Amino acid sequence: GGTEPLRQFPLKMFLSGALTKSSLLRVQPLVRPQILTRRFATEVPSQEKEANKVSPNAAPNAAPRAAENVNFRIYRFQEGGKPHMQSYTINMKECGPMVLDALIKIKSEQDSTLTFRRSCREGICGSCAMNIDGTNALACLKSVKSSTKNGVVKIYPLPHMNVIRDLVPDLSGFYDQHKTIRPWLELKPEQMASQTEVLQSKDDRKRLDGLYECILCACCSTSCPSYWWSEGGRKDYLGPAILLQAYRWISDSRDTQRQDRLKQLAEGPFKLYKCHTIMNCAKVCPKHLNPAKAIANLKKLSTQLH
């Protein structure tokens, strides 16, 4: 009858129309909505029911996880002041695993004046290059765990560069050097006027692997003692990053100014030949490239000019 709880009606009665809208409205107050939903939908598995049960002996609130505190000692500097190291403590249980995560957390929650570069957080833009635990690296790819010694992570700006503020180095000289190698394809006038692309074979394209991936983060150049001796790009030596980029355009089969590019690099005794194959560049490159090999190939090609 109308007073029988709705959960007693068979499903086939509801689907066949025997259960009318008026009877549904009449008996609905006698039944909890969740029972109706479960009976006409899917029965809750017994495993889920057991999992949802709360033990009478359970504590009302679970104990928080033990803190994993890490001390970050960060280089601080602003114009007119003296450089110094400042300490910040972070519970890594409440932070992402990378050094950049920690820096963002410090800036957001502890010290909004902390200054550093960052953009993509995926090791693509090269903005967050800095010296972490004594090695140049991208903060977004360097884990806190691998950078911690005795509970401390030390962070400095890229070495041997003028510092604008905190972890932000002045890369003006670095980018000025990059302009000098003409980092673009130089084509013939008829190629420039053409409406079709300049074709390249698969083999020619493969020669650019290990070169085009450079993101100009400057990790390699600022780890190179030869570059330090050239005052961070303000003198003659172009450094591993720029020379690798130069070799990338010289190796491109579509470029028409290969000989002219090589002559430009061979001018003067230090622009190319100041590399002493120390190999710091290959060690620190976050893209796992080998600038030293590119420089060696440039030296070989330059000998063909004489």
Protein backbone atom coordinates (compact mmCIF):
# COMPACT_ATOMS: atom_id res chain seq x y z
CA GLY A 1 0.00 0.00 0.00
CA GLY A 2 0.87 3.66 0.08
CA THR A 3 2.47 3.41 3.48
CA GLU A 4 4.97 0.70 2.53
CA PRO A 5 8.51 2.08 2.37
CA LEU A 6 9.62 2.82 -1.19
CA ARG A 7 12.69 0.60 -0.92
CA GLN A 8 10.36 -2.43 -0.96
CA PHE A 9 9.10 -1.75 -4.50
CA PRO A 10 10.76 -3.92 -7.17
CA LEU A 11 12.81 -2.08 -9.79
CA LYS A 12 10.68 -3.55 -12.62
CA MET A 13 7.59 -1.83 -11.21
CA PHE A 14 9.32 1.53 -11.40
CA LEU A 15 10.57 0.95 -14.95
CA SER A 16 7.21 -0.41 -16.20
CA GLY A 17 5.32 2.65 -15.01
CA ALA A 18 3.34 0.84 -12.32
CA LEU A 19 4.84 3.24 -9.82
CA THR A 20 3.23 6.59 -10.74
CA LYS A 21 4.55 10.05 -10.03
CA SER A 22 1.75 10.70 -7.54
CA SER A 23 2.49 7.57 -5.56
CA LEU A 24 6.19 8.43 -5.60
CA LEU A 25 5.48 11.84 -4.13
CA ARG A 26 3.13 10.33 -1.55
CA VAL A 27 5.60 7.83 -0.13
CA GLN A 28 8.89 9.74 -0.61
CA PRO A 29 8.85 11.34 2.87
CA LEU A 30 8.98 7.88 4.40
CA VAL A 31 12.29 7.04 2.68
CA ARG A 32 15.76 8.60 2.85
CA PRO A 33 16.90 9.90 -0.58
CA GLN A 34 20.18 8.01 -0.45
CA ILE A 35 18.32 4.69 -0.18
CA LEU A 36 16.36 5.54 -3.31
CA THR A 37 19.52 6.46 -5.16
CA ARG A 38 21.35 3.30 -4.17
CA ARG A 39 18.46 0.94 -4.95
CA PHE A 40 17.87 2.38 -8.41
CA ALA A 41 21.53 2.88 -9.28
CA THR A 42 24.38 0.59 -8.30
CA GLU A 43 24.68 -1.34 -5.08
CA VAL A 44 27.65 -0.18 -3.04
CA PRO A 45 30.28 -2.95 -2.91
CA SER A 46 30.79 -4.55 0.46
CA GLN A 47 34.51 -3.69 0.36
CA GLU A 48 33.68 0.00 0.10
CA LYS A 49 31.24 -0.28 2.98
CA GLU A 50 33.93 -1.81 5.16
CA ALA A 51 36.41 0.89 4.13
CA ASN A 52 33.97 3.63 5.05
CA LYS A 53 33.41 2.28 8.55
CA VAL A 54 35.05 4.27 11.32
CA SER A 55 36.63 2.31 14.11
CA PRO A 56 35.26 3.29 17.52
CA ASN A 57 38.82 3.25 18.88
CA ALA A 58 40.20 5.60 16.20
CA ALA A 59 41.53 8.99 17.26
CA PRO A 60 39.34 11.94 16.23
CA ASN A 61 42.22 13.58 14.31
CA ALA A 62 45.16 11.72 12.76
CA ALA A 63 48.56 12.86 13.98
CA PRO A 64 50.38 15.15 11.46
CA ARG A 65 53.38 13.80 9.64
CA ALA A 66 56.75 14.57 11.16
CA ALA A 67 58.30 17.71 9.70
CA GLU A 68 61.25 17.47 7.31
CA ASN A 69 62.86 20.85 7.86
CA VAL A 70 65.52 22.00 5.41
CA ASN A 71 67.52 25.18 5.84
CA PHE A 72 68.04 27.26 2.69
CA ARG A 73 70.99 29.66 2.79
CA ILE A 74 70.42 32.10 -0.07
CA TYR A 75 72.66 34.84 -1.45
CA ARG A 76 71.07 38.28 -0.99
CA PHE A 77 72.19 41.51 -2.61
CA GLN A 78 70.67 44.77 -3.73
CA GLU A 79 72.28 47.91 -5.08
CA GLY A 80 73.76 50.05 -2.36
CA GLY A 81 73.95 47.19 0.14
CA LYS A 82 76.43 44.51 1.04
CA PRO A 83 75.99 40.93 -0.17
CA HIS A 84 75.13 38.43 2.55
CA MET A 85 73.62 34.99 3.10
CA GLN A 86 70.13 34.72 4.54
CA SER A 87 68.58 31.58 6.02
CA TYR A 88 65.05 30.27 5.55
CA THR A 89 63.60 27.06 6.95
CA ILE A 90 61.00 25.03 5.05
CA ASN A 91 59.11 21.89 5.95
CA MET A 92 59.55 19.79 2.80
CA LYS A 93 56.42 17.82 3.69
CA GLU A 94 54.52 20.96 2.68
CA CYS A 95 56.55 21.84 -0.40
CA GLY A 96 57.24 20.50 -3.87
CA PRO A 97 60.42 18.48 -4.49
CA MET A 98 62.39 20.97 -6.60
CA VAL A 99 64.55 23.89 -5.53
CA LEU A 100 62.32 26.25 -7.52
CA ASP A 101 59.30 25.03 -5.53
CA ALA A 102 61.13 25.97 -2.34
CA LEU A 103 62.11 29.40 -3.66
CA ILE A 104 58.54 30.16 -4.69
CA LYS A 105 57.29 29.02 -1.28
CA ILE A 106 59.81 31.27 0.49
CA LYS A 107 58.84 34.25 -1.66
CA SER A 108 55.11 33.59 -1.18
CA GLU A 109 55.08 32.85 2.55
CA GLN A 110 58.24 34.20 4.21
CA ASP A 111 59.99 36.96 2.25
CA SER A 112 58.39 38.66 -0.73
CA THR A 113 61.59 40.64 -1.41
CA LEU A 114 63.53 37.54 -2.51
CA THR A 115 64.28 38.00 -6.21
CA PHE A 116 64.98 35.35 -8.85
CA ARG A 117 64.09 34.56 -12.45
CA ARG A 118 61.67 31.80 -13.39
CA SER A 119 59.12 31.10 -16.08
CA CYS A 120 58.27 27.66 -17.49
CA ARG A 121 59.14 25.39 -14.52
CA GLU A 122 59.82 22.61 -17.05
CA GLY A 123 63.50 23.04 -17.97
CA ILE A 124 62.65 24.70 -21.28
CA CYS A 125 63.12 28.46 -20.86
CA GLY A 126 66.41 28.45 -18.91
CA SER A 127 65.35 31.41 -16.75
CA CYS A 128 65.97 29.86 -13.34
CA ALA A 129 69.67 29.05 -13.85
CA MET A 130 71.64 29.52 -10.62
CA ASN A 131 74.41 27.93 -8.58
CA ILE A 132 72.95 25.28 -6.29
CA ASP A 133 75.16 23.31 -3.90
CA GLY A 134 78.22 24.50 -5.79
CA THR A 135 77.02 23.44 -9.25
CA ASN A 136 75.26 25.46 -11.93
CA ALA A 137 71.80 24.08 -12.61
CA LEU A 138 68.18 24.94 -13.35
CA ALA A 139 66.25 25.31 -10.12
CA CYS A 140 63.17 23.72 -11.69
CA LEU A 141 65.10 20.53 -12.50
CA LYS A 142 67.30 20.34 -9.40
CA SER A 143 65.74 18.47 -6.50
CA VAL A 144 66.07 19.65 -2.94
CA LYS A 145 67.01 16.14 -1.85
CA SER A 146 70.04 15.97 -4.15
CA SER A 147 71.12 19.48 -3.14
CA THR A 148 70.98 19.07 0.63
CA LYS A 149 74.11 18.58 2.72
CA ASN A 150 73.71 18.26 6.48
CA GLY A 151 70.21 19.69 6.23
CA VAL A 152 71.35 22.81 4.33
CA VAL A 153 70.91 23.94 0.70
CA LYS A 154 73.18 26.77 -0.45
CA ILE A 155 72.02 28.87 -3.40
CA TYR A 156 74.02 31.56 -5.24
CA PRO A 157 73.56 33.41 -8.54
CA LEU A 158 75.51 32.20 -11.58
CA PRO A 159 79.22 32.71 -10.76
CA HIS A 160 81.52 35.41 -12.11
CA MET A 161 78.70 37.60 -13.38
CA ASN A 162 77.61 41.00 -12.14
CA VAL A 163 74.56 40.65 -9.92
CA ILE A 164 71.54 42.90 -10.40
CA ARG A 165 69.75 41.67 -7.28
CA ASP A 166 69.79 38.49 -5.20
CA LEU A 167 69.82 35.53 -7.62
CA VAL A 168 69.47 37.62 -10.80
CA PRO A 169 72.75 38.03 -12.75
CA ASP A 170 73.37 40.58 -15.47
CA LEU A 171 73.41 38.61 -18.73
CA SER A 172 73.65 41.64 -21.04
CA GLY A 173 77.18 40.74 -22.21
CA PHE A 174 76.13 37.14 -22.76
CA TYR A 175 73.26 38.14 -25.04
CA ASP A 176 75.37 40.74 -26.85
CA GLN A 177 77.83 37.97 -27.70
CA HIS A 178 74.97 35.84 -28.97
CA LYS A 179 74.02 38.59 -31.43
CA THR A 180 77.52 38.62 -32.92
CA ILE A 181 77.21 35.08 -34.32
CA ARG A 182 74.08 36.05 -36.32
CA PRO A 183 71.78 33.38 -34.88
CA TRP A 184 69.48 33.09 -37.86
CA LEU A 185 69.49 31.51 -41.32
CA GLU A 186 71.13 33.63 -43.99
CA LEU A 187 69.64 32.76 -47.37
CA LYS A 188 70.14 33.86 -50.96
CA PRO A 189 67.87 36.65 -52.26
CA GLU A 190 65.93 34.24 -54.46
CA GLN A 191 65.37 31.96 -51.47
CA MET A 192 64.12 34.88 -49.40
CA ALA A 193 61.68 35.85 -52.16
CA SER A 194 60.40 32.31 -52.61
CA GLN A 195 57.00 31.37 -51.20
CA THR A 196 58.11 27.81 -50.40
CA GLU A 197 60.25 26.53 -47.54
CA VAL A 198 63.94 25.68 -47.91
CA LEU A 199 64.10 21.91 -47.93
CA GLN A 200 66.51 19.83 -45.88
CA SER A 201 67.24 16.10 -46.02
CA LYS A 202 66.74 13.88 -43.00
CA ASP A 203 70.48 13.34 -42.70
CA ASP A 204 71.16 17.08 -42.78
CA ARG A 205 68.50 17.64 -40.17
CA LYS A 206 70.01 14.94 -37.96
CA ARG A 207 73.30 16.86 -37.85
CA LEU A 208 71.58 19.52 -35.77
CA ASP A 209 70.70 17.09 -32.97
CA GLY A 210 72.62 17.97 -29.85
CA LEU A 211 72.89 21.60 -30.98
CA TYR A 212 69.44 23.11 -31.47
CA GLU A 213 68.31 22.02 -27.97
CA CYS A 214 70.45 24.71 -26.29
CA ILE A 215 68.21 27.04 -24.26
CA LEU A 216 70.87 29.71 -23.54
CA CYS A 217 70.57 29.31 -19.78
CA ALA A 218 74.29 30.21 -19.43
CA CYS A 219 74.98 27.34 -17.01
CA CYS A 220 77.87 26.13 -19.17
CA SER A 221 79.48 29.49 -19.88
CA THR A 222 79.43 30.59 -16.24
CA SER A 223 81.01 27.28 -15.15
CA CYS A 224 83.92 27.72 -17.57
CA PRO A 225 87.18 29.09 -16.09
CA SER A 226 88.21 30.39 -19.53
CA TYR A 227 85.03 32.43 -19.58
CA TRP A 228 85.70 33.68 -16.06
CA TRP A 229 89.11 34.92 -17.19
CA SER A 230 87.35 36.82 -19.97
CA GLU A 231 85.23 38.59 -17.36
CA GLY A 232 81.96 36.89 -18.11
CA GLY A 233 81.67 37.82 -21.77
CA ARG A 234 82.88 41.40 -21.52
CA LYS A 235 86.08 40.58 -23.39
CA ASP A 236 87.06 38.32 -26.24
CA TYR A 237 86.19 34.68 -25.52
CA LEU A 238 82.66 33.80 -26.61
CA GLY A 239 82.27 30.90 -24.23
CA PRO A 240 80.78 27.42 -24.69
CA ALA A 241 77.11 28.38 -25.03
CA ILE A 242 77.65 30.94 -27.78
CA LEU A 243 80.16 28.76 -29.65
CA LEU A 244 77.75 25.81 -29.56
CA GLN A 245 75.09 28.11 -31.02
CA ALA A 246 77.56 29.26 -33.68
CA TYR A 247 78.27 25.66 -34.65
CA ARG A 248 74.53 25.00 -34.87
CA TRP A 249 74.14 27.60 -37.65
CA ILE A 250 77.37 26.62 -39.39
CA SER A 251 76.15 23.00 -39.46
CA ASP A 252 72.77 23.90 -40.96
CA SER A 253 72.70 22.82 -44.61
CA ARG A 254 70.20 25.58 -45.44
CA ASP A 255 72.57 28.41 -44.49
CA THR A 256 74.56 30.09 -47.28
CA GLN A 257 77.20 31.92 -45.21
CA ARG A 258 79.15 29.05 -43.70
CA GLN A 259 82.61 30.26 -44.78
CA ASP A 260 81.93 33.81 -43.65
CA ARG A 261 80.77 32.58 -40.25
CA LEU A 262 83.92 30.51 -39.81
CA LYS A 263 86.14 33.46 -40.77
CA GLN A 264 84.42 35.60 -38.19
CA LEU A 265 85.09 33.03 -35.45
CA ALA A 266 88.72 32.56 -36.53
CA GLU A 267 89.49 36.28 -36.20
CA GLY A 268 91.79 36.92 -33.25
CA PRO A 269 93.53 34.29 -31.10
CA PHE A 270 90.98 34.12 -28.29
CA LYS A 271 87.45 34.20 -29.71
CA LEU A 272 87.49 30.46 -30.44
CA TYR A 273 90.84 29.06 -29.33
CA LYS A 274 90.69 30.13 -25.69
CA CYS A 275 88.81 26.91 -24.90
CA HIS A 276 91.09 24.60 -22.91
CA THR A 277 88.72 21.61 -22.96
CA ILE A 278 88.15 21.69 -19.20
CA MET A 279 84.73 20.04 -19.83
CA ASN A 280 82.84 21.84 -17.06
CA CYS A 281 80.36 22.88 -19.76
CA ALA A 282 79.38 19.32 -20.63
CA LYS A 283 79.11 18.38 -16.96
CA VAL A 284 76.60 21.06 -15.96
CA CYS A 285 74.44 21.36 -19.10
CA PRO A 286 70.82 20.69 -18.03
CA LYS A 287 69.98 19.50 -21.57
CA HIS A 288 72.90 17.03 -21.56
CA LEU A 289 74.62 18.68 -24.53
CA ASN A 290 78.37 18.75 -25.20
CA PRO A 291 79.59 22.28 -26.02
CA ALA A 292 83.22 21.18 -25.82
CA LYS A 293 82.67 18.78 -28.73
CA ALA A 294 81.05 21.53 -30.79
CA ILE A 295 84.04 23.81 -30.09
CA ALA A 296 86.46 21.06 -31.15
CA ASN A 297 84.55 20.66 -34.42
CA LEU A 298 84.70 24.41 -34.99
CA LYS A 299 88.48 24.32 -34.53
CA LYS A 300 88.75 21.57 -37.14
CA LEU A 301 86.59 23.47 -39.62
CA SER A 302 88.57 26.67 -39.07
CA THR A 303 91.77 24.96 -40.19
CA GLN A 304 90.21 24.46 -43.64
CA LEU A 305 90.23 28.22 -44.17
CA HIS A 306 94.03 28.37 -44.51
